[in-house]
């Protein structure tokens, strides 16, 4: 008798628990409501969402009497509020200011102005610039072809003329650029032998008009700075107009025939620094190797050609930044 009483009590307890657990609307049968930022389910506003969650808990009853601790919870976690912008109907997530029910997508803003690094290194950038400086020649009349380095520098420091030019540069990559333009150079020199020499002295003047195309290779360790250091090489074509004078100042006729248009190979080094985020000021040294003997109008040493070079101040301004 006692045994059957215990069984009856257990059955009544189980039936009562089942009745309480099905009382109210099951969570999984409820209709989905718009998601709210910071809440899994609920109303379309933060305060309404909190009130809805409280009412939901009252309706569902205590989890203890539903034996969730024993049989497991019937609650299924909702899907995340975060949405992949690539799968949202082909559109990026937008903010719904009416319901605040969609995912807020952070978007990077476009800079108002390009940075200094972008200006210096932007691929596809064009620059326009001017060249101002000195021009120097190495010829037979000057007898400066075989000087030692110190003597050569000392000679060129006191024997020079002026030159100028214009150029445009295209920044093809952060380490590479193309540079083209034209230059004018005045080359002069004289041979003034001692008074007891019996041969006549000569002097020359030559107007050089040059068109060049250079390839520049930029130092990679300066690519994040406003400085730019580079080496260059290329090709050029120049027009030469030389006049030769004797010791009395009279024009001496040049009997040898030669073409006035000649090729040359430019090479050298350069450096520039960008001020105020757009204007670049620098220095460039460029040598011109010429397979030509008549920069001075005469040939006394057939073993080596004449040549010339520039020391130039460069000033450039960017035309466009892509």
C-alpha atoms as a PDB file:
ATOM      1  CA  UNK A   1       0.000   0.000   0.000  1.00  0.00           C
ATOM      2  CA  UNK A   2       2.755   2.379   0.917  1.00  0.00           C
ATOM      3  CA  UNK A   3       4.584   1.384  -2.260  1.00  0.00           C
ATOM      4  CA  UNK A   4       1.593   2.339  -4.505  1.00  0.00           C
ATOM      5  CA  UNK A   5       1.213   5.698  -2.702  1.00  0.00           C
ATOM      6  CA  UNK A   6       4.769   6.699  -3.511  1.00  0.00           C
ATOM      7  CA  UNK A   7       4.264   5.801  -7.183  1.00  0.00           C
ATOM      8  CA  UNK A   8       1.043   7.833  -7.310  1.00  0.00           C
ATOM      9  CA  UNK A   9       2.736  10.904  -5.823  1.00  0.00           C
ATOM     10  CA  UNK A  10       5.581  10.683  -8.360  1.00  0.00           C
ATOM     11  CA  UNK A  11       3.162  10.411 -11.292  1.00  0.00           C
ATOM     12  CA  UNK A  12       1.119  13.377 -10.086  1.00  0.00           C
ATOM     13  CA  UNK A  13       4.334  15.416  -9.679  1.00  0.00           C
ATOM     14  CA  UNK A  14       5.455  14.566 -13.230  1.00  0.00           C
ATOM     15  CA  UNK A  15       2.056  15.413 -14.766  1.00  0.00           C
ATOM     16  CA  UNK A  16       1.960  18.694 -12.849  1.00  0.00           C
ATOM     17  CA  UNK A  17       5.458  19.631 -14.118  1.00  0.00           C
ATOM     18  CA  UNK A  18       4.534  18.832 -17.701  1.00  0.00           C
ATOM     19  CA  UNK A  19       1.391  20.959 -17.409  1.00  0.00           C
ATOM     20  CA  UNK A  20       3.359  23.919 -16.084  1.00  0.00           C
ATOM     21  CA  UNK A  21       6.021  23.564 -18.788  1.00  0.00           C
ATOM     22  CA  UNK A  22       3.490  23.776 -21.649  1.00  0.00           C
ATOM     23  CA  UNK A  23       1.600  26.659 -20.009  1.00  0.00           C
ATOM     24  CA  UNK A  24       1.998  29.814 -22.129  1.00  0.00           C
ATOM     25  CA  UNK A  25       3.327  30.108 -25.686  1.00  0.00           C
ATOM     26  CA  UNK A  26       6.562  28.114 -26.376  1.00  0.00           C
ATOM     27  CA  UNK A  27       9.517  30.290 -27.334  1.00  0.00           C
ATOM     28  CA  UNK A  28      10.218  28.444 -30.550  1.00  0.00           C
ATOM     29  CA  UNK A  29       6.618  28.943 -31.769  1.00  0.00           C
ATOM     30  CA  UNK A  30       6.742  32.721 -31.472  1.00  0.00           C
ATOM     31  CA  UNK A  31       7.037  34.864 -34.550  1.00  0.00           C
ATOM     32  CA  UNK A  32      10.391  36.461 -35.207  1.00  0.00           C
ATOM     33  CA  UNK A  33      10.569  40.136 -34.411  1.00  0.00           C
ATOM     34  CA  UNK A  34      13.081  42.644 -35.785  1.00  0.00           C
ATOM     35  CA  UNK A  35      16.532  42.329 -34.252  1.00  0.00           C
ATOM     36  CA  UNK A  36      17.659  45.196 -32.052  1.00  0.00           C
ATOM     37  CA  UNK A  37      21.242  46.207 -31.575  1.00  0.00           C
ATOM     38  CA  UNK A  38      22.295  44.931 -28.138  1.00  0.00           C
ATOM     39  CA  UNK A  39      19.313  42.508 -27.772  1.00  0.00           C
ATOM     40  CA  UNK A  40      18.649  39.079 -29.254  1.00  0.00           C
ATOM     41  CA  UNK A  41      14.874  39.546 -29.743  1.00  0.00           C
ATOM     42  CA  UNK A  42      12.228  42.069 -28.785  1.00  0.00           C
ATOM     43  CA  UNK A  43      10.663  45.356 -29.611  1.00  0.00           C
ATOM     44  CA  UNK A  44      12.037  47.883 -32.078  1.00  0.00           C
ATOM     45  CA  UNK A  45      13.413  50.113 -29.340  1.00  0.00           C
ATOM     46  CA  UNK A  46      15.770  49.384 -26.472  1.00  0.00           C
ATOM     47  CA  UNK A  47      13.222  50.030 -23.648  1.00  0.00           C
ATOM     48  CA  UNK A  48      10.510  48.036 -25.420  1.00  0.00           C
ATOM     49  CA  UNK A  49      12.913  45.160 -26.005  1.00  0.00           C
ATOM     50  CA  UNK A  50      13.740  44.892 -22.280  1.00  0.00           C
ATOM     51  CA  UNK A  51      10.021  44.918 -21.347  1.00  0.00           C
ATOM     52  CA  UNK A  52       9.266  42.218 -23.922  1.00  0.00           C
ATOM     53  CA  UNK A  53      11.997  39.981 -22.532  1.00  0.00           C
ATOM     54  CA  UNK A  54      10.568  40.361 -18.985  1.00  0.00           C
ATOM     55  CA  UNK A  55       7.046  39.444 -20.165  1.00  0.00           C
ATOM     56  CA  UNK A  56       8.452  36.491 -22.055  1.00  0.00           C
ATOM     57  CA  UNK A  57      10.118  35.129 -18.922  1.00  0.00           C
ATOM     58  CA  UNK A  58       6.857  35.499 -16.919  1.00  0.00           C
ATOM     59  CA  UNK A  59       4.873  33.672 -19.621  1.00  0.00           C
ATOM     60  CA  UNK A  60       7.315  30.805 -19.891  1.00  0.00           C
ATOM     61  CA  UNK A  61       7.380  30.187 -16.141  1.00  0.00           C
ATOM     62  CA  UNK A  62      10.242  28.990 -14.005  1.00  0.00           C
ATOM     63  CA  UNK A  63      12.876  26.865 -15.621  1.00  0.00           C
ATOM     64  CA  UNK A  64      13.102  24.788 -12.427  1.00  0.00           C
ATOM     65  CA  UNK A  65       9.558  23.471 -12.746  1.00  0.00           C
ATOM     66  CA  UNK A  66      10.101  22.804 -16.433  1.00  0.00           C
ATOM     67  CA  UNK A  67      13.064  20.542 -15.610  1.00  0.00           C
ATOM     68  CA  UNK A  68      15.452  22.423 -17.930  1.00  0.00           C
ATOM     69  CA  UNK A  69      18.183  21.566 -15.458  1.00  0.00           C
ATOM     70  CA  UNK A  70      17.441  17.887 -16.083  1.00  0.00           C
ATOM     71  CA  UNK A  71      16.257  17.483 -19.690  1.00  0.00           C
ATOM     72  CA  UNK A  72      18.008  20.492 -21.217  1.00  0.00           C
ATOM     73  CA  UNK A  73      16.703  23.869 -22.358  1.00  0.00           C
ATOM     74  CA  UNK A  74      14.269  24.186 -25.249  1.00  0.00           C
ATOM     75  CA  UNK A  75      15.744  27.622 -26.039  1.00  0.00           C
ATOM     76  CA  UNK A  76      17.394  27.945 -29.475  1.00  0.00           C
ATOM     77  CA  UNK A  77      19.935  30.806 -29.670  1.00  0.00           C
ATOM     78  CA  UNK A  78      18.907  33.423 -32.262  1.00  0.00           C
ATOM     79  CA  UNK A  79      21.077  34.207 -35.280  1.00  0.00           C
ATOM     80  CA  UNK A  80      23.662  36.918 -34.847  1.00  0.00           C
ATOM     81  CA  UNK A  81      22.685  40.530 -35.492  1.00  0.00           C
ATOM     82  CA  UNK A  82      25.925  40.945 -37.460  1.00  0.00           C
ATOM     83  CA  UNK A  83      25.415  40.530 -41.176  1.00  0.00           C
ATOM     84  CA  UNK A  84      27.923  39.962 -43.916  1.00  0.00           C
ATOM     85  CA  UNK A  85      27.800  43.064 -46.154  1.00  0.00           C
ATOM     86  CA  UNK A  86      28.550  40.860 -49.158  1.00  0.00           C
ATOM     87  CA  UNK A  87      25.433  38.667 -48.665  1.00  0.00           C
ATOM     88  CA  UNK A  88      22.862  41.350 -47.803  1.00  0.00           C
ATOM     89  CA  UNK A  89      21.033  41.323 -51.141  1.00  0.00           C
ATOM     90  CA  UNK A  90      24.217  42.384 -52.860  1.00  0.00           C
ATOM     91  CA  UNK A  91      24.269  45.640 -50.842  1.00  0.00           C
ATOM     92  CA  UNK A  92      26.364  46.845 -47.968  1.00  0.00           C
ATOM     93  CA  UNK A  93      24.630  47.073 -44.586  1.00  0.00           C
ATOM     94  CA  UNK A  94      22.692  50.308 -44.095  1.00  0.00           C
ATOM     95  CA  UNK A  95      21.548  52.056 -40.918  1.00  0.00           C
ATOM     96  CA  UNK A  96      17.750  52.092 -40.472  1.00  0.00           C
ATOM     97  CA  UNK A  97      17.092  55.184 -38.397  1.00  0.00           C
ATOM     98  CA  UNK A  98      13.363  54.291 -38.053  1.00  0.00           C
ATOM     99  CA  UNK A  99      13.682  50.881 -36.421  1.00  0.00           C
ATOM    100  CA  UNK A 100      17.400  50.767 -35.597  1.00  0.00           C
ATOM    101  CA  UNK A 101      17.012  47.127 -36.513  1.00  0.00           C
ATOM    102  CA  UNK A 102      19.776  46.603 -39.018  1.00  0.00           C
ATOM    103  CA  UNK A 103      23.503  46.194 -38.742  1.00  0.00           C
ATOM    104  CA  UNK A 104      25.512  49.415 -38.510  1.00  0.00           C
ATOM    105  CA  UNK A 105      28.298  49.160 -41.039  1.00  0.00           C
ATOM    106  CA  UNK A 106      31.458  51.186 -40.412  1.00  0.00           C
ATOM    107  CA  UNK A 107      32.792  52.736 -43.587  1.00  0.00           C
ATOM    108  CA  UNK A 108      36.255  54.279 -44.043  1.00  0.00           C
ATOM    109  CA  UNK A 109      36.097  57.914 -45.049  1.00  0.00           C
ATOM    110  CA  UNK A 110      38.047  59.259 -48.002  1.00  0.00           C
ATOM    111  CA  UNK A 111      40.874  61.636 -46.952  1.00  0.00           C
ATOM    112  CA  UNK A 112      40.160  65.264 -47.745  1.00  0.00           C
ATOM    113  CA  UNK A 113      43.722  65.809 -48.957  1.00  0.00           C
ATOM    114  CA  UNK A 114      46.386  63.324 -50.096  1.00  0.00           C
ATOM    115  CA  UNK A 115      49.125  62.648 -47.589  1.00  0.00           C
ATOM    116  CA  UNK A 116      52.732  63.631 -48.143  1.00  0.00           C
ATOM    117  CA  UNK A 117      53.673  60.025 -48.786  1.00  0.00           C
ATOM    118  CA  UNK A 118      50.880  59.701 -51.362  1.00  0.00           C
ATOM    119  CA  UNK A 119      52.069  62.826 -53.117  1.00  0.00           C
ATOM    120  CA  UNK A 120      55.674  61.707 -53.250  1.00  0.00           C
ATOM    121  CA  UNK A 121      55.053  58.109 -54.193  1.00  0.00           C
ATOM    122  CA  UNK A 122      51.664  57.978 -55.907  1.00  0.00           C
ATOM    123  CA  UNK A 123      51.843  55.856 -59.040  1.00  0.00           C
ATOM    124  CA  UNK A 124      50.808  57.822 -62.099  1.00  0.00           C
ATOM    125  CA  UNK A 125      51.855  61.224 -60.740  1.00  0.00           C
ATOM    126  CA  UNK A 126      53.120  63.858 -63.188  1.00  0.00           C
ATOM    127  CA  UNK A 127      55.494  66.704 -62.301  1.00  0.00           C
ATOM    128  CA  UNK A 128      56.561  69.764 -64.247  1.00  0.00           C
ATOM    129  CA  UNK A 129      59.827  71.449 -63.346  1.00  0.00           C
ATOM    130  CA  UNK A 130      62.630  73.834 -64.276  1.00  0.00           C
ATOM    131  CA  UNK A 131      66.415  73.438 -64.168  1.00  0.00           C
ATOM    132  CA  UNK A 132      68.857  76.237 -63.357  1.00  0.00           C
ATOM    133  CA  UNK A 133      72.593  75.851 -62.927  1.00  0.00           C
ATOM    134  CA  UNK A 134      76.029  75.703 -64.491  1.00  0.00           C
ATOM    135  CA  UNK A 135      77.392  73.943 -67.587  1.00  0.00           C
ATOM    136  CA  UNK A 136      80.927  72.569 -67.963  1.00  0.00           C
ATOM    137  CA  UNK A 137      82.945  71.099 -70.834  1.00  0.00           C
ATOM    138  CA  UNK A 138      85.869  68.699 -71.181  1.00  0.00           C
ATOM    139  CA  UNK A 139      87.707  69.360 -74.461  1.00  0.00           C
ATOM    140  CA  UNK A 140      91.094  69.391 -76.210  1.00  0.00           C
ATOM    141  CA  UNK A 141      91.482  73.169 -76.204  1.00  0.00           C
ATOM    142  CA  UNK A 142      90.937  73.319 -72.442  1.00  0.00           C
ATOM    143  CA  UNK A 143      93.416  70.491 -71.875  1.00  0.00           C
ATOM    144  CA  UNK A 144      91.390  69.218 -68.926  1.00  0.00           C
ATOM    145  CA  UNK A 145      90.795  65.640 -70.057  1.00  0.00           C
ATOM    146  CA  UNK A 146      93.609  64.015 -68.119  1.00  0.00           C
ATOM    147  CA  UNK A 147      93.655  66.101 -64.946  1.00  0.00           C
ATOM    148  CA  UNK A 148      93.710  64.483 -61.510  1.00  0.00           C
ATOM    149  CA  UNK A 149      90.455  64.642 -59.597  1.00  0.00           C
ATOM    150  CA  UNK A 150      91.448  67.532 -57.308  1.00  0.00           C
ATOM    151  CA  UNK A 151      92.874  69.533 -60.220  1.00  0.00           C
ATOM    152  CA  UNK A 152      89.810  68.775 -62.314  1.00  0.00           C
ATOM    153  CA  UNK A 153      87.436  70.036 -59.608  1.00  0.00           C
ATOM    154  CA  UNK A 154      89.554  73.151 -59.114  1.00  0.00           C
ATOM    155  CA  UNK A 155      89.539  73.856 -62.848  1.00  0.00           C
ATOM    156  CA  UNK A 156      85.770  73.395 -63.258  1.00  0.00           C
ATOM    157  CA  UNK A 157      85.046  75.565 -60.193  1.00  0.00           C
ATOM    158  CA  UNK A 158      86.558  78.577 -61.961  1.00  0.00           C
ATOM    159  CA  UNK A 159      85.724  77.738 -65.604  1.00  0.00           C
ATOM    160  CA  UNK A 160      82.015  77.347 -66.202  1.00  0.00           C
ATOM    161  CA  UNK A 161      79.029  78.894 -67.928  1.00  0.00           C
ATOM    162  CA  UNK A 162      75.295  78.850 -67.197  1.00  0.00           C
ATOM    163  CA  UNK A 163      72.539  76.563 -68.382  1.00  0.00           C
ATOM    164  CA  UNK A 164      68.826  76.054 -67.892  1.00  0.00           C
ATOM    165  CA  UNK A 165      66.032  73.733 -68.957  1.00  0.00           C
ATOM    166  CA  UNK A 166      62.564  72.338 -68.363  1.00  0.00           C
ATOM    167  CA  UNK A 167      61.460  68.777 -67.655  1.00  0.00           C
ATOM    168  CA  UNK A 168      58.475  66.599 -66.864  1.00  0.00           C
ATOM    169  CA  UNK A 169      58.580  63.501 -64.675  1.00  0.00           C
ATOM    170  CA  UNK A 170      56.176  60.557 -64.613  1.00  0.00           C
ATOM    171  CA  UNK A 171      56.241  58.450 -61.415  1.00  0.00           C
ATOM    172  CA  UNK A 172      55.626  54.955 -62.821  1.00  0.00           C
ATOM    173  CA  UNK A 173      56.295  53.232 -59.454  1.00  0.00           C
ATOM    174  CA  UNK A 174      57.591  54.123 -55.998  1.00  0.00           C
ATOM    175  CA  UNK A 175      61.124  53.195 -57.119  1.00  0.00           C
ATOM    176  CA  UNK A 176      61.034  54.149 -60.813  1.00  0.00           C
ATOM    177  CA  UNK A 177      60.267  57.269 -62.867  1.00  0.00           C
ATOM    178  CA  UNK A 178      60.623  58.580 -66.416  1.00  0.00           C
ATOM    179  CA  UNK A 179      62.038  62.060 -66.983  1.00  0.00           C
ATOM    180  CA  UNK A 180      62.049  63.961 -70.258  1.00  0.00           C
ATOM    181  CA  UNK A 181      62.777  67.517 -71.311  1.00  0.00           C
ATOM    182  CA  UNK A 182      65.229  69.911 -72.913  1.00  0.00           C
ATOM    183  CA  UNK A 183      68.274  71.906 -71.819  1.00  0.00           C
ATOM    184  CA  UNK A 184      70.360  74.755 -73.107  1.00  0.00           C
ATOM    185  CA  UNK A 185      74.044  75.001 -72.272  1.00  0.00           C
ATOM    186  CA  UNK A 186      76.739  77.499 -73.207  1.00  0.00           C
ATOM    187  CA  UNK A 187      80.182  75.881 -73.366  1.00  0.00           C
ATOM    188  CA  UNK A 188      83.346  77.994 -73.540  1.00  0.00           C
ATOM    189  CA  UNK A 189      87.054  77.358 -73.138  1.00  0.00           C
ATOM    190  CA  UNK A 190      90.453  78.759 -74.048  1.00  0.00           C
ATOM    191  CA  UNK A 191      94.008  77.631 -74.438  1.00  0.00           C
ATOM    192  CA  UNK A 192      96.397  80.354 -73.282  1.00  0.00           C
ATOM    193  CA  UNK A 193      99.974  79.099 -73.646  1.00  0.00           C
ATOM    194  CA  UNK A 194     102.955  80.928 -72.178  1.00  0.00           C
ATOM    195  CA  UNK A 195     104.297  83.919 -74.132  1.00  0.00           C
ATOM    196  CA  UNK A 196     107.455  82.091 -75.270  1.00  0.00           C
ATOM    197  CA  UNK A 197     105.376  79.394 -77.024  1.00  0.00           C
ATOM    198  CA  UNK A 198     105.467  79.726 -80.778  1.00  0.00           C
ATOM    199  CA  UNK A 199     102.038  78.264 -81.606  1.00  0.00           C
ATOM    200  CA  UNK A 200      98.835  80.264 -81.641  1.00  0.00           C
ATOM    201  CA  UNK A 201      96.229  80.083 -78.891  1.00  0.00           C
ATOM    202  CA  UNK A 202      92.574  79.313 -79.491  1.00  0.00           C
ATOM    203  CA  UNK A 203      89.273  79.787 -77.757  1.00  0.00           C
ATOM    204  CA  UNK A 204      85.832  78.377 -78.545  1.00  0.00           C
ATOM    205  CA  UNK A 205      82.170  79.012 -77.823  1.00  0.00           C
ATOM    206  CA  UNK A 206      79.455  76.426 -78.318  1.00  0.00           C
ATOM    207  CA  UNK A 207      75.677  76.669 -77.932  1.00  0.00           C
ATOM    208  CA  UNK A 208      74.141  73.304 -77.030  1.00  0.00           C
ATOM    209  CA  UNK A 209      70.418  72.520 -77.345  1.00  0.00           C
ATOM    210  CA  UNK A 210      69.667  69.130 -75.889  1.00  0.00           C
ATOM    211  CA  UNK A 211      66.563  66.888 -75.745  1.00  0.00           C
ATOM    212  CA  UNK A 212      66.716  64.006 -73.294  1.00  0.00           C
ATOM    213  CA  UNK A 213      64.805  61.044 -71.912  1.00  0.00           C
ATOM    214  CA  UNK A 214      66.023  59.538 -68.646  1.00  0.00           C
ATOM    215  CA  UNK A 215      65.062  56.623 -66.423  1.00  0.00           C
ATOM    216  CA  UNK A 216      65.322  57.303 -62.681  1.00  0.00           C
ATOM    217  CA  UNK A 217      65.809  54.636 -60.001  1.00  0.00           C
ATOM    218  CA  UNK A 218      64.787  55.893 -56.569  1.00  0.00           C
ATOM    219  CA  UNK A 219      66.273  54.815 -53.229  1.00  0.00           C
ATOM    220  CA  UNK A 220      63.726  52.523 -51.478  1.00  0.00           C
ATOM    221  CA  UNK A 221      64.853  53.463 -47.943  1.00  0.00           C
ATOM    222  CA  UNK A 222      63.489  57.018 -48.483  1.00  0.00           C
ATOM    223  CA  UNK A 223      60.060  56.025 -49.831  1.00  0.00           C
ATOM    224  CA  UNK A 224      58.220  56.958 -46.604  1.00  0.00           C
ATOM    225  CA  UNK A 225      59.845  60.391 -46.328  1.00  0.00           C
ATOM    226  CA  UNK A 226      59.710  63.739 -48.102  1.00  0.00           C
ATOM    227  CA  UNK A 227      63.232  63.147 -49.456  1.00  0.00           C
ATOM    228  CA  UNK A 228      64.037  61.494 -52.748  1.00  0.00           C
ATOM    229  CA  UNK A 229      67.465  60.262 -53.882  1.00  0.00           C
ATOM    230  CA  UNK A 230      67.994  58.628 -57.256  1.00  0.00           C
ATOM    231  CA  UNK A 231      70.407  57.661 -59.991  1.00  0.00           C
ATOM    232  CA  UNK A 232      69.574  57.999 -63.658  1.00  0.00           C
ATOM    233  CA  UNK A 233      70.644  57.056 -67.157  1.00  0.00           C
ATOM    234  CA  UNK A 234      69.106  57.532 -70.567  1.00  0.00           C
ATOM    235  CA  UNK A 235      69.573  58.892 -74.077  1.00  0.00           C
ATOM    236  CA  UNK A 236      69.744  62.381 -75.521  1.00  0.00           C
ATOM    237  CA  UNK A 237      70.176  64.205 -78.800  1.00  0.00           C
ATOM    238  CA  UNK A 238      71.801  67.635 -78.978  1.00  0.00           C
ATOM    239  CA  UNK A 239      72.417  70.334 -81.563  1.00  0.00           C
ATOM    240  CA  UNK A 240      75.862  71.909 -81.517  1.00  0.00           C
ATOM    241  CA  UNK A 241      76.781  75.335 -82.887  1.00  0.00           C
ATOM    242  CA  UNK A 242      80.485  75.939 -82.317  1.00  0.00           C
ATOM    243  CA  UNK A 243      82.665  78.906 -83.247  1.00  0.00           C
ATOM    244  CA  UNK A 244      86.464  78.857 -83.014  1.00  0.00           C
ATOM    245  CA  UNK A 245      88.618  81.963 -82.518  1.00  0.00           C
ATOM    246  CA  UNK A 246      92.353  82.440 -82.880  1.00  0.00           C
ATOM    247  CA  UNK A 247      94.633  84.396 -80.572  1.00  0.00           C
ATOM    248  CA  UNK A 248      93.701  87.691 -82.207  1.00  0.00           C
ATOM    249  CA  UNK A 249      89.974  87.170 -81.607  1.00  0.00           C
ATOM    250  CA  UNK A 250      89.245  86.442 -85.241  1.00  0.00           C
ATOM    251  CA  UNK A 251      86.849  83.643 -86.226  1.00  0.00           C
ATOM    252  CA  UNK A 252      88.883  80.681 -87.322  1.00  0.00           C
ATOM    253  CA  UNK A 253      87.258  78.506 -89.986  1.00  0.00           C
ATOM    254  CA  UNK A 254      86.697  74.875 -89.080  1.00  0.00           C
ATOM    255  CA  UNK A 255      87.868  72.785 -91.988  1.00  0.00           C
ATOM    256  CA  UNK A 256      86.724  69.390 -90.720  1.00  0.00           C
ATOM    257  CA  UNK A 257      83.239  68.229 -91.625  1.00  0.00           C
ATOM    258  CA  UNK A 258      80.912  66.954 -88.914  1.00  0.00           C
ATOM    259  CA  UNK A 259      77.209  66.628 -88.224  1.00  0.00           C
ATOM    260  CA  UNK A 260      75.732  69.285 -85.972  1.00  0.00           C
ATOM    261  CA  UNK A 261      73.162  66.867 -84.518  1.00  0.00           C
ATOM    262  CA  UNK A 262      74.801  64.304 -82.258  1.00  0.00           C
ATOM    263  CA  UNK A 263      73.724  61.633 -79.724  1.00  0.00           C
ATOM    264  CA  UNK A 264      74.828  61.460 -76.109  1.00  0.00           C
ATOM    265  CA  UNK A 265      74.361  59.214 -73.081  1.00  0.00           C
ATOM    266  CA  UNK A 266      73.325  61.081 -69.908  1.00  0.00           C
ATOM    267  CA  UNK A 267      73.877  59.587 -66.455  1.00  0.00           C
ATOM    268  CA  UNK A 268      74.200  60.955 -62.932  1.00  0.00           C
ATOM    269  CA  UNK A 269      72.620  61.346 -59.507  1.00  0.00           C
ATOM    270  CA  UNK A 270      69.960  63.563 -57.960  1.00  0.00           C
ATOM    271  CA  UNK A 271      68.236  64.496 -54.716  1.00  0.00           C
ATOM    272  CA  UNK A 272      65.089  66.473 -53.915  1.00  0.00           C
ATOM    273  CA  UNK A 273      62.974  67.404 -50.922  1.00  0.00           C
ATOM    274  CA  UNK A 274      59.262  68.257 -50.897  1.00  0.00           C
ATOM    275  CA  UNK A 275      58.181  71.434 -49.093  1.00  0.00           C
ATOM    276  CA  UNK A 276      54.609  72.424 -48.123  1.00  0.00           C
ATOM    277  CA  UNK A 277      53.344  69.077 -49.368  1.00  0.00           C
ATOM    278  CA  UNK A 278      53.695  69.944 -53.079  1.00  0.00           C
ATOM    279  CA  UNK A 279      56.811  71.910 -54.211  1.00  0.00           C
ATOM    280  CA  UNK A 280      60.016  69.860 -54.617  1.00  0.00           C
ATOM    281  CA  UNK A 281      63.460  71.466 -54.604  1.00  0.00           C
ATOM    282  CA  UNK A 282      66.627  69.512 -55.283  1.00  0.00           C
ATOM    283  CA  UNK A 283      70.014  69.157 -56.953  1.00  0.00           C
ATOM    284  CA  UNK A 284      71.097  67.073 -59.936  1.00  0.00           C
ATOM    285  CA  UNK A 285      74.510  66.264 -61.373  1.00  0.00           C
ATOM    286  CA  UNK A 286      74.419  64.913 -64.925  1.00  0.00           C
ATOM    287  CA  UNK A 287      77.306  63.856 -67.159  1.00  0.00           C
ATOM    288  CA  UNK A 288      77.012  63.564 -70.962  1.00  0.00           C
ATOM    289  CA  UNK A 289      79.151  61.018 -72.718  1.00  0.00           C
ATOM    290  CA  UNK A 290      79.488  61.950 -76.406  1.00  0.00           C
ATOM    291  CA  UNK A 291      81.089  59.967 -79.257  1.00  0.00           C
ATOM    292  CA  UNK A 292      82.156  63.351 -80.655  1.00  0.00           C
ATOM    293  CA  UNK A 293      85.429  65.282 -81.009  1.00  0.00           C
ATOM    294  CA  UNK A 294      84.198  68.726 -82.046  1.00  0.00           C
ATOM    295  CA  UNK A 295      82.615  70.363 -79.006  1.00  0.00           C
ATOM    296  CA  UNK A 296      85.562  72.797 -79.191  1.00  0.00           C
ATOM    297  CA  UNK A 297      85.949  72.694 -82.986  1.00  0.00           C
ATOM    298  CA  UNK A 298      89.357  70.955 -83.069  1.00  0.00           C
ATOM    299  CA  UNK A 299      90.823  67.491 -82.651  1.00  0.00           C
ATOM    300  CA  UNK A 300      94.199  67.089 -80.970  1.00  0.00           C
ATOM    301  CA  UNK A 301      93.572  63.877 -79.022  1.00  0.00           C
ATOM    302  CA  UNK A 302      91.850  61.221 -81.094  1.00  0.00           C
ATOM    303  CA  UNK A 303      91.923  58.679 -78.259  1.00  0.00           C
ATOM    304  CA  UNK A 304      89.251  60.374 -76.142  1.00  0.00           C
ATOM    305  CA  UNK A 305      86.034  62.182 -77.016  1.00  0.00           C
ATOM    306  CA  UNK A 306      84.853  65.545 -75.768  1.00  0.00           C
ATOM    307  CA  UNK A 307      82.116  65.658 -73.123  1.00  0.00           C
ATOM    308  CA  UNK A 308      80.110  68.066 -70.999  1.00  0.00           C
ATOM    309  CA  UNK A 309      78.109  68.024 -67.776  1.00  0.00           C
ATOM    310  CA  UNK A 310      75.632  70.015 -65.676  1.00  0.00           C
ATOM    311  CA  UNK A 311      75.224  71.067 -62.048  1.00  0.00           C
ATOM    312  CA  UNK A 312      71.544  71.950 -61.758  1.00  0.00           C
ATOM    313  CA  UNK A 313      69.057  73.172 -59.184  1.00  0.00           C
ATOM    314  CA  UNK A 314      65.683  71.475 -59.790  1.00  0.00           C
ATOM    315  CA  UNK A 315      62.277  72.909 -58.877  1.00  0.00           C
ATOM    316  CA  UNK A 316      59.155  70.875 -59.663  1.00  0.00           C
ATOM    317  CA  UNK A 317      55.419  70.969 -59.016  1.00  0.00           C
ATOM    318  CA  UNK A 318      52.963  68.038 -59.215  1.00  0.00           C
ATOM    319  CA  UNK A 319      50.443  68.338 -62.019  1.00  0.00           C
ATOM    320  CA  UNK A 320      48.018  65.619 -60.902  1.00  0.00           C
ATOM    321  CA  UNK A 321      47.677  62.834 -58.332  1.00  0.00           C
ATOM    322  CA  UNK A 322      45.615  59.781 -59.225  1.00  0.00           C
END
